[in-house]
N, C-alpha and C. Protein backbone atom coordinates (compact mmCIF):
# COMPACT_ATOMS: atom_id res chain seq x y z
N MET A 1 0.90 -1.13 0.04
CA MET A 1 -0.06 0.01 -0.02
C MET A 1 0.85 1.27 0.05
N ILE A 2 0.72 2.08 -0.88
CA ILE A 2 1.61 3.27 -1.13
C ILE A 2 0.98 4.45 -0.44
N TYR A 3 -0.31 4.37 -0.07
CA TYR A 3 -1.09 5.43 0.77
C TYR A 3 -1.19 5.17 2.17
N PRO A 4 -1.13 6.14 2.95
CA PRO A 4 -1.46 6.00 4.41
C PRO A 4 -2.89 5.53 4.61
N ARG A 5 -3.12 4.99 5.65
CA ARG A 5 -4.52 4.38 5.95
C ARG A 5 -5.60 5.48 5.77
N GLN A 6 -5.27 6.71 6.28
CA GLN A 6 -6.32 7.74 6.22
C GLN A 6 -6.79 8.06 4.62
N VAL A 7 -5.88 8.01 3.77
CA VAL A 7 -6.16 8.21 2.33
C VAL A 7 -7.07 7.05 1.82
N VAL A 8 -6.65 5.85 2.23
CA VAL A 8 -7.31 4.58 1.77
C VAL A 8 -8.84 4.65 2.41
N TYR A 9 -8.94 4.94 3.59
CA TYR A 9 -10.21 5.02 4.25
C TYR A 9 -11.08 6.13 3.61
N SER A 10 -10.48 7.25 3.21
CA SER A 10 -11.19 8.32 2.70
C SER A 10 -11.77 7.94 1.28
N LEU A 11 -10.90 7.28 0.56
CA LEU A 11 -11.36 6.69 -0.80
C LEU A 11 -12.46 5.67 -0.61
N GLU A 12 -12.41 4.84 0.35
CA GLU A 12 -13.45 3.90 0.58
C GLU A 12 -14.72 4.48 1.00
N ALA A 13 -14.66 5.46 1.83
CA ALA A 13 -15.85 6.18 2.26
C ALA A 13 -16.53 6.96 1.24
N LEU A 14 -15.75 7.70 0.54
CA LEU A 14 -16.26 8.48 -0.73
C LEU A 14 -16.82 7.49 -1.67
N GLY A 15 -16.24 6.41 -1.97
CA GLY A 15 -16.82 5.39 -2.93
C GLY A 15 -18.20 4.93 -2.38
N TYR A 16 -18.20 4.60 -1.07
CA TYR A 16 -19.47 4.16 -0.50
C TYR A 16 -20.56 5.20 -0.65
N LEU A 17 -20.31 6.40 -0.22
CA LEU A 17 -21.23 7.47 -0.26
C LEU A 17 -21.70 7.73 -1.67
N ALA A 18 -20.69 7.50 -2.68
CA ALA A 18 -21.15 7.69 -4.11
C ALA A 18 -22.07 6.57 -4.57
N SER A 19 -22.13 5.43 -3.92
CA SER A 19 -22.90 4.28 -4.19
C SER A 19 -24.36 4.50 -3.79
N LEU A 20 -24.66 5.36 -2.80
CA LEU A 20 -25.89 5.53 -2.18
C LEU A 20 -26.77 6.51 -3.14
N GLU A 21 -28.10 6.43 -2.91
CA GLU A 21 -28.88 7.34 -3.57
C GLU A 21 -28.58 8.82 -3.21
N SER A 22 -28.70 9.67 -4.23
CA SER A 22 -28.34 11.04 -4.06
C SER A 22 -28.97 11.60 -2.87
N ASN A 23 -28.08 12.36 -2.18
CA ASN A 23 -28.53 13.04 -0.91
C ASN A 23 -28.95 12.16 0.26
N ARG A 24 -28.56 10.95 0.19
CA ARG A 24 -28.94 10.02 1.33
C ARG A 24 -27.82 10.09 2.33
N THR A 25 -28.22 10.24 3.55
CA THR A 25 -27.18 10.37 4.65
C THR A 25 -27.04 8.89 5.28
N ILE A 26 -25.86 8.79 5.81
CA ILE A 26 -25.56 7.55 6.56
C ILE A 26 -24.81 7.93 7.74
N LYS A 27 -25.10 7.25 8.91
CA LYS A 27 -24.42 7.49 10.12
C LYS A 27 -22.98 6.86 10.13
N VAL A 28 -22.15 7.42 10.95
CA VAL A 28 -20.83 7.07 11.07
C VAL A 28 -20.71 5.45 11.41
N LYS A 29 -21.52 5.17 12.42
CA LYS A 29 -21.53 3.77 12.92
C LYS A 29 -21.97 2.77 11.86
N ASP A 30 -22.93 3.17 11.01
CA ASP A 30 -23.38 2.29 9.92
C ASP A 30 -22.29 2.14 8.81
N LEU A 31 -21.68 3.31 8.47
CA LEU A 31 -20.66 3.38 7.45
C LEU A 31 -19.54 2.59 7.89
N ALA A 32 -19.14 2.75 9.17
CA ALA A 32 -17.96 2.05 9.67
C ALA A 32 -18.17 0.62 9.72
N GLN A 33 -19.45 0.15 10.03
CA GLN A 33 -19.69 -1.31 10.03
C GLN A 33 -19.70 -1.89 8.56
N ASN A 34 -20.34 -1.08 7.62
CA ASN A 34 -20.35 -1.53 6.24
C ASN A 34 -18.94 -1.72 5.63
N LEU A 35 -18.06 -0.77 6.00
CA LEU A 35 -16.70 -0.67 5.45
C LEU A 35 -15.76 -1.47 6.38
N GLU A 36 -16.05 -1.88 7.38
CA GLU A 36 -15.10 -2.54 8.37
C GLU A 36 -13.90 -1.76 8.74
N ILE A 37 -14.34 -0.51 9.13
CA ILE A 37 -13.35 0.56 9.50
C ILE A 37 -13.61 0.93 10.98
N PRO A 38 -12.70 1.01 11.88
CA PRO A 38 -12.97 1.39 13.13
C PRO A 38 -13.67 2.87 13.23
N ARG A 39 -14.85 2.69 13.97
CA ARG A 39 -15.83 3.89 13.92
C ARG A 39 -15.01 5.15 14.34
N HIS A 40 -14.32 5.17 15.39
CA HIS A 40 -13.66 6.31 15.93
C HIS A 40 -12.70 6.89 14.81
N TYR A 41 -11.95 6.07 14.17
CA TYR A 41 -10.99 6.54 13.19
C TYR A 41 -11.81 7.04 11.95
N LEU A 42 -12.83 6.31 11.55
CA LEU A 42 -13.67 6.88 10.45
C LEU A 42 -14.31 8.23 10.69
N GLY A 43 -14.72 8.38 11.86
CA GLY A 43 -15.26 9.80 12.29
C GLY A 43 -14.12 10.87 12.06
N LYS A 44 -13.13 10.52 12.37
CA LYS A 44 -11.90 11.57 12.19
C LYS A 44 -11.71 11.75 10.59
N VAL A 45 -11.81 10.69 9.83
CA VAL A 45 -11.61 10.77 8.39
C VAL A 45 -12.76 11.53 7.86
N LEU A 46 -13.97 11.33 8.27
CA LEU A 46 -15.10 12.06 7.67
C LEU A 46 -15.05 13.49 8.11
N THR A 47 -14.56 13.83 9.21
CA THR A 47 -14.42 15.22 9.62
C THR A 47 -13.46 16.01 8.62
N GLU A 48 -12.28 15.26 8.34
CA GLU A 48 -11.29 15.77 7.37
C GLU A 48 -11.98 15.92 6.00
N LEU A 49 -12.80 14.92 5.53
CA LEU A 49 -13.36 15.12 4.29
C LEU A 49 -14.51 16.15 4.17
N GLU A 50 -15.01 16.47 5.39
CA GLU A 50 -15.88 17.56 5.36
C GLU A 50 -15.18 18.99 5.29
N LYS A 51 -14.17 19.02 5.92
CA LYS A 51 -13.16 20.26 5.92
C LYS A 51 -12.76 20.45 4.35
N LYS A 52 -12.53 19.36 3.63
CA LYS A 52 -12.22 19.48 2.22
C LYS A 52 -13.35 19.61 1.31
N ARG A 53 -14.48 19.82 1.84
CA ARG A 53 -15.83 20.00 1.12
C ARG A 53 -16.11 18.81 0.27
N LEU A 54 -15.72 17.67 0.59
CA LEU A 54 -16.15 16.54 -0.18
C LEU A 54 -17.32 15.75 0.35
N VAL A 55 -17.64 15.91 1.64
CA VAL A 55 -18.79 15.35 2.25
C VAL A 55 -19.53 16.54 3.08
N THR A 56 -20.68 16.35 3.46
CA THR A 56 -21.35 17.23 4.40
C THR A 56 -21.97 16.38 5.43
N SER A 57 -22.26 17.02 6.66
CA SER A 57 -22.85 16.27 7.76
C SER A 57 -24.02 17.07 8.21
N THR A 58 -25.02 16.25 8.73
CA THR A 58 -26.29 16.76 9.29
C THR A 58 -26.28 16.23 10.68
N LYS A 59 -26.53 17.16 11.52
CA LYS A 59 -26.73 16.66 13.09
C LYS A 59 -28.11 16.16 13.25
N GLY A 60 -28.24 15.45 14.37
CA GLY A 60 -29.63 15.00 14.74
C GLY A 60 -29.74 13.52 14.60
N PRO A 61 -31.02 13.13 15.13
CA PRO A 61 -31.34 11.61 14.96
C PRO A 61 -31.45 11.22 13.50
N SER A 62 -31.90 12.05 12.61
CA SER A 62 -31.85 11.56 11.23
C SER A 62 -30.67 12.10 10.33
N GLY A 63 -29.60 12.50 11.10
CA GLY A 63 -28.47 13.06 10.49
C GLY A 63 -27.48 11.91 10.04
N GLY A 64 -26.36 12.45 9.60
CA GLY A 64 -25.33 11.62 9.15
C GLY A 64 -24.44 12.27 8.05
N PHE A 65 -23.74 11.63 7.28
CA PHE A 65 -22.91 12.13 6.26
C PHE A 65 -23.46 11.86 4.81
N THR A 66 -23.30 12.70 3.95
CA THR A 66 -23.60 12.58 2.55
C THR A 66 -22.56 13.09 1.73
N LEU A 67 -22.48 12.69 0.50
CA LEU A 67 -21.52 13.27 -0.47
C LEU A 67 -21.83 14.67 -0.92
N ALA A 68 -20.76 15.57 -0.96
CA ALA A 68 -21.03 16.95 -1.25
C ALA A 68 -20.63 17.27 -2.61
N VAL A 69 -20.08 16.28 -3.43
CA VAL A 69 -19.73 16.51 -4.79
C VAL A 69 -20.46 15.53 -5.77
N ASN A 70 -20.49 16.08 -6.95
CA ASN A 70 -21.12 15.11 -8.02
C ASN A 70 -20.21 14.01 -8.33
N PRO A 71 -20.49 12.78 -8.04
CA PRO A 71 -19.56 11.58 -8.21
C PRO A 71 -19.26 11.38 -9.77
N ALA A 72 -20.14 11.90 -10.67
CA ALA A 72 -19.99 11.79 -12.02
C ALA A 72 -18.88 12.82 -12.55
N SER A 73 -18.63 13.86 -11.85
CA SER A 73 -17.93 14.95 -12.42
C SER A 73 -16.53 15.26 -11.58
N ILE A 74 -16.34 14.45 -10.60
CA ILE A 74 -14.91 14.67 -9.89
C ILE A 74 -14.23 13.35 -10.14
N THR A 75 -12.87 13.61 -10.46
CA THR A 75 -12.03 12.54 -10.74
C THR A 75 -11.23 12.06 -9.49
N LEU A 76 -10.72 10.83 -9.45
CA LEU A 76 -9.93 10.22 -8.41
C LEU A 76 -8.65 11.26 -8.27
N TYR A 77 -8.10 11.82 -9.28
CA TYR A 77 -6.98 12.66 -9.28
C TYR A 77 -7.26 13.90 -8.47
N ARG A 78 -8.42 14.48 -8.65
CA ARG A 78 -8.80 15.55 -7.87
C ARG A 78 -8.98 15.35 -6.35
N ILE A 79 -9.52 14.21 -6.13
CA ILE A 79 -9.79 13.75 -4.78
C ILE A 79 -8.32 13.44 -4.16
N LEU A 80 -7.47 12.74 -4.85
CA LEU A 80 -6.13 12.61 -4.31
C LEU A 80 -5.41 14.03 -4.02
N ALA A 81 -5.65 14.87 -4.97
CA ALA A 81 -4.96 16.18 -4.74
C ALA A 81 -5.58 16.85 -3.43
N ALA A 82 -6.85 16.75 -3.19
CA ALA A 82 -7.49 17.30 -2.01
C ALA A 82 -7.03 16.60 -0.72
N LEU A 83 -6.63 15.24 -0.93
CA LEU A 83 -6.28 14.50 0.30
C LEU A 83 -4.65 14.50 0.45
N ASN A 84 -4.07 15.38 -0.32
CA ASN A 84 -2.53 15.39 -0.29
C ASN A 84 -1.92 14.05 -0.63
N GLY A 85 -2.65 13.30 -1.64
CA GLY A 85 -2.16 12.06 -2.05
C GLY A 85 -1.35 12.03 -3.26
N LEU A 86 -1.13 13.21 -3.97
CA LEU A 86 -0.52 13.28 -5.26
C LEU A 86 0.97 12.99 -5.18
N GLU A 87 1.62 13.44 -3.87
CA GLU A 87 3.05 13.32 -3.84
C GLU A 87 3.46 11.84 -3.87
N LYS A 88 2.73 10.88 -3.24
CA LYS A 88 2.95 9.48 -3.18
C LYS A 88 2.77 8.97 -4.65
N LEU A 89 1.79 9.50 -5.32
CA LEU A 89 1.55 8.92 -6.75
C LEU A 89 2.65 9.48 -7.72
N GLU A 90 2.90 10.91 -7.53
CA GLU A 90 3.83 11.44 -8.59
C GLU A 90 5.38 11.32 -8.25
N ASP A 91 5.63 11.54 -6.93
CA ASP A 91 7.18 11.66 -6.59
C ASP A 91 7.75 10.58 -5.83
N ALA A 92 6.85 9.73 -5.11
CA ALA A 92 7.57 8.77 -4.22
C ALA A 92 8.31 7.65 -5.01
N CYS A 93 9.42 7.25 -4.28
CA CYS A 93 10.18 6.11 -4.84
C CYS A 93 9.63 4.87 -4.41
N VAL A 94 9.47 3.90 -5.33
CA VAL A 94 8.81 2.57 -4.96
C VAL A 94 9.71 1.80 -3.91
N MET A 95 11.04 2.07 -3.86
CA MET A 95 11.89 1.31 -2.96
C MET A 95 12.03 2.17 -1.58
N GLY A 96 11.20 3.24 -1.52
CA GLY A 96 11.31 3.93 -0.24
C GLY A 96 12.49 4.79 -0.03
N LEU A 97 13.22 5.08 -1.12
CA LEU A 97 14.41 5.92 -1.02
C LEU A 97 14.21 7.49 -1.15
N GLY A 98 13.06 7.90 -0.78
CA GLY A 98 12.68 9.27 -0.93
C GLY A 98 12.27 9.52 -2.38
N ARG A 99 12.84 10.60 -3.01
CA ARG A 99 12.48 10.89 -4.34
C ARG A 99 13.65 10.41 -5.28
N CYS A 100 13.37 9.57 -6.16
CA CYS A 100 14.38 9.21 -7.16
C CYS A 100 14.05 9.87 -8.52
N HIS A 101 15.08 10.19 -9.34
CA HIS A 101 14.87 10.76 -10.61
C HIS A 101 15.71 10.06 -11.63
N SER A 102 15.39 10.48 -12.92
CA SER A 102 16.21 9.80 -13.88
C SER A 102 17.78 9.93 -13.75
N ASP A 103 18.13 11.00 -13.16
CA ASP A 103 19.64 11.33 -13.09
C ASP A 103 20.13 10.52 -11.81
N ARG A 104 19.27 10.12 -10.87
CA ARG A 104 19.74 9.36 -9.76
C ARG A 104 18.63 8.25 -9.49
N PRO A 105 18.49 7.38 -10.39
CA PRO A 105 17.39 6.35 -10.25
C PRO A 105 17.67 5.29 -9.22
N CYS A 106 16.60 4.74 -8.71
CA CYS A 106 16.66 3.49 -7.84
C CYS A 106 16.73 2.31 -8.92
N ALA A 107 16.82 1.12 -8.47
CA ALA A 107 16.93 -0.05 -9.30
C ALA A 107 15.65 -0.34 -10.02
N LEU A 108 14.40 0.10 -9.52
CA LEU A 108 13.13 -0.04 -10.09
C LEU A 108 12.54 1.14 -10.80
N HIS A 109 13.33 2.24 -10.91
CA HIS A 109 12.86 3.60 -11.26
C HIS A 109 12.05 3.54 -12.71
N ASP A 110 12.71 2.85 -13.63
CA ASP A 110 12.13 2.87 -15.00
C ASP A 110 10.76 2.17 -14.99
N ILE A 111 10.69 0.97 -14.25
CA ILE A 111 9.35 0.30 -14.21
C ILE A 111 8.37 1.00 -13.49
N TRP A 112 8.76 1.63 -12.36
CA TRP A 112 7.89 2.39 -11.48
C TRP A 112 7.39 3.62 -12.12
N ALA A 113 8.34 4.35 -12.91
CA ALA A 113 7.91 5.52 -13.59
C ALA A 113 6.81 5.23 -14.75
N GLN A 114 6.89 4.11 -15.39
CA GLN A 114 5.96 3.68 -16.36
C GLN A 114 4.48 3.47 -15.67
N PHE A 115 4.63 2.71 -14.59
CA PHE A 115 3.48 2.46 -13.83
C PHE A 115 2.75 3.73 -13.24
N LYS A 116 3.58 4.64 -12.68
CA LYS A 116 3.11 5.97 -12.08
C LYS A 116 2.43 6.74 -13.13
N ASN A 117 3.01 6.81 -14.35
CA ASN A 117 2.52 7.61 -15.45
C ASN A 117 1.27 7.11 -15.94
N SER A 118 1.08 5.78 -16.05
CA SER A 118 -0.15 5.12 -16.45
C SER A 118 -1.20 5.43 -15.42
N THR A 119 -0.84 5.31 -14.21
CA THR A 119 -1.88 5.46 -13.08
C THR A 119 -2.27 6.90 -13.01
N ILE A 120 -1.41 7.89 -13.15
CA ILE A 120 -1.80 9.27 -13.16
C ILE A 120 -2.83 9.49 -14.30
N VAL A 121 -2.57 9.03 -15.43
CA VAL A 121 -3.48 9.25 -16.59
C VAL A 121 -4.79 8.57 -16.31
N ARG A 122 -4.71 7.43 -15.73
CA ARG A 122 -6.06 6.76 -15.31
C ARG A 122 -6.81 7.44 -14.25
N THR A 123 -6.21 8.01 -13.30
CA THR A 123 -6.86 8.73 -12.11
C THR A 123 -7.39 10.07 -12.66
N GLN A 124 -6.77 10.64 -13.68
CA GLN A 124 -7.30 11.82 -14.20
C GLN A 124 -8.53 11.62 -14.92
N LYS A 125 -8.76 10.48 -15.41
CA LYS A 125 -10.02 10.07 -16.15
C LYS A 125 -11.10 9.39 -15.33
N LEU A 126 -10.69 8.65 -14.31
CA LEU A 126 -11.55 7.90 -13.48
C LEU A 126 -12.43 8.72 -12.49
N THR A 127 -13.72 8.77 -12.83
CA THR A 127 -14.57 9.49 -11.89
C THR A 127 -14.78 8.69 -10.61
N LEU A 128 -15.31 9.50 -9.62
CA LEU A 128 -15.79 8.84 -8.33
C LEU A 128 -16.83 7.90 -8.60
N GLU A 129 -17.74 8.17 -9.46
CA GLU A 129 -18.87 7.27 -9.83
C GLU A 129 -18.37 6.02 -10.34
N GLU A 130 -17.45 6.01 -11.30
CA GLU A 130 -16.92 4.79 -11.84
C GLU A 130 -16.06 4.07 -10.82
N PHE A 131 -15.35 4.72 -10.00
CA PHE A 131 -14.59 4.13 -8.84
C PHE A 131 -15.50 3.37 -7.98
N SER A 132 -16.51 4.10 -7.51
CA SER A 132 -17.53 3.50 -6.66
C SER A 132 -18.12 2.28 -7.27
N SER A 133 -18.47 2.30 -8.51
CA SER A 133 -19.00 1.19 -9.20
C SER A 133 -18.11 -0.15 -9.16
N ARG A 134 -16.88 0.20 -9.44
CA ARG A 134 -15.90 -0.82 -9.33
C ARG A 134 -15.61 -1.34 -7.99
N LEU A 135 -15.68 -0.46 -7.02
CA LEU A 135 -15.41 -0.72 -5.76
C LEU A 135 -16.35 -1.70 -5.04
N PHE A 136 -17.73 -1.24 -5.44
CA PHE A 136 -18.77 -2.07 -4.84
C PHE A 136 -19.51 -2.83 -5.92
N LYS A 137 -18.89 -3.12 -7.06
CA LYS A 137 -19.42 -3.99 -8.04
C LYS A 137 -20.98 -3.65 -8.42
N LYS A 138 -21.07 -2.31 -8.54
CA LYS A 138 -22.59 -1.92 -8.87
C LYS A 138 -22.55 -1.14 -10.03
N GLU A 139 -23.52 -1.40 -11.01
CA GLU A 139 -23.57 -0.75 -12.26
C GLU A 139 -24.11 0.72 -11.95
N THR A 140 -23.56 1.83 -12.45
CA THR A 140 -23.95 3.17 -12.52
C THR A 140 -24.44 3.52 -13.86
N SER A 141 -25.43 4.35 -13.92
CA SER A 141 -25.93 4.76 -15.24
C SER A 141 -24.97 5.97 -15.61
N GLY A 142 -24.82 6.06 -17.03
CA GLY A 142 -24.07 7.23 -17.55
C GLY A 142 -22.48 7.15 -17.34
N SER A 143 -22.03 6.01 -16.97
CA SER A 143 -20.47 6.00 -16.70
C SER A 143 -19.87 5.58 -17.96
N GLY A 144 -18.71 6.24 -18.09
CA GLY A 144 -17.89 5.93 -19.35
C GLY A 144 -16.82 4.90 -18.92
N SER A 145 -15.95 4.64 -19.83
CA SER A 145 -14.74 3.84 -19.63
C SER A 145 -13.57 4.55 -18.97
N GLY A 146 -12.80 3.92 -18.24
CA GLY A 146 -11.67 4.61 -17.63
C GLY A 146 -10.47 3.82 -17.57
């Protein structure tokens, strides 16, 4: 896993929220149970996602969290940018040697560079709606190929 747990949990939570009917809220405890993520940790993740304006929360007995963005129009690349996840995708060395470059490459630099470039292109095209569909094996209407 190249991403910290918080980024992975954020992507899972956003994908799950995107799979729900539009504007449907879900409580942290239910989302945590469905995703098998510790409730307390997920609460912190959702608070950060709310600060990034990717989700909204409603207080009260019928409250919970809902997606604040259109899943068909936001890409995984934009989400990773909001979560400060692009550095791992764009600059990290696969061998953990910090940042390696073509002038000072690690042993896997060329292979990793090809993989990273392909992944960047794919995340720039892959919408949250498509990601959610793949993550939860659910067909969504109006999704293109990615």
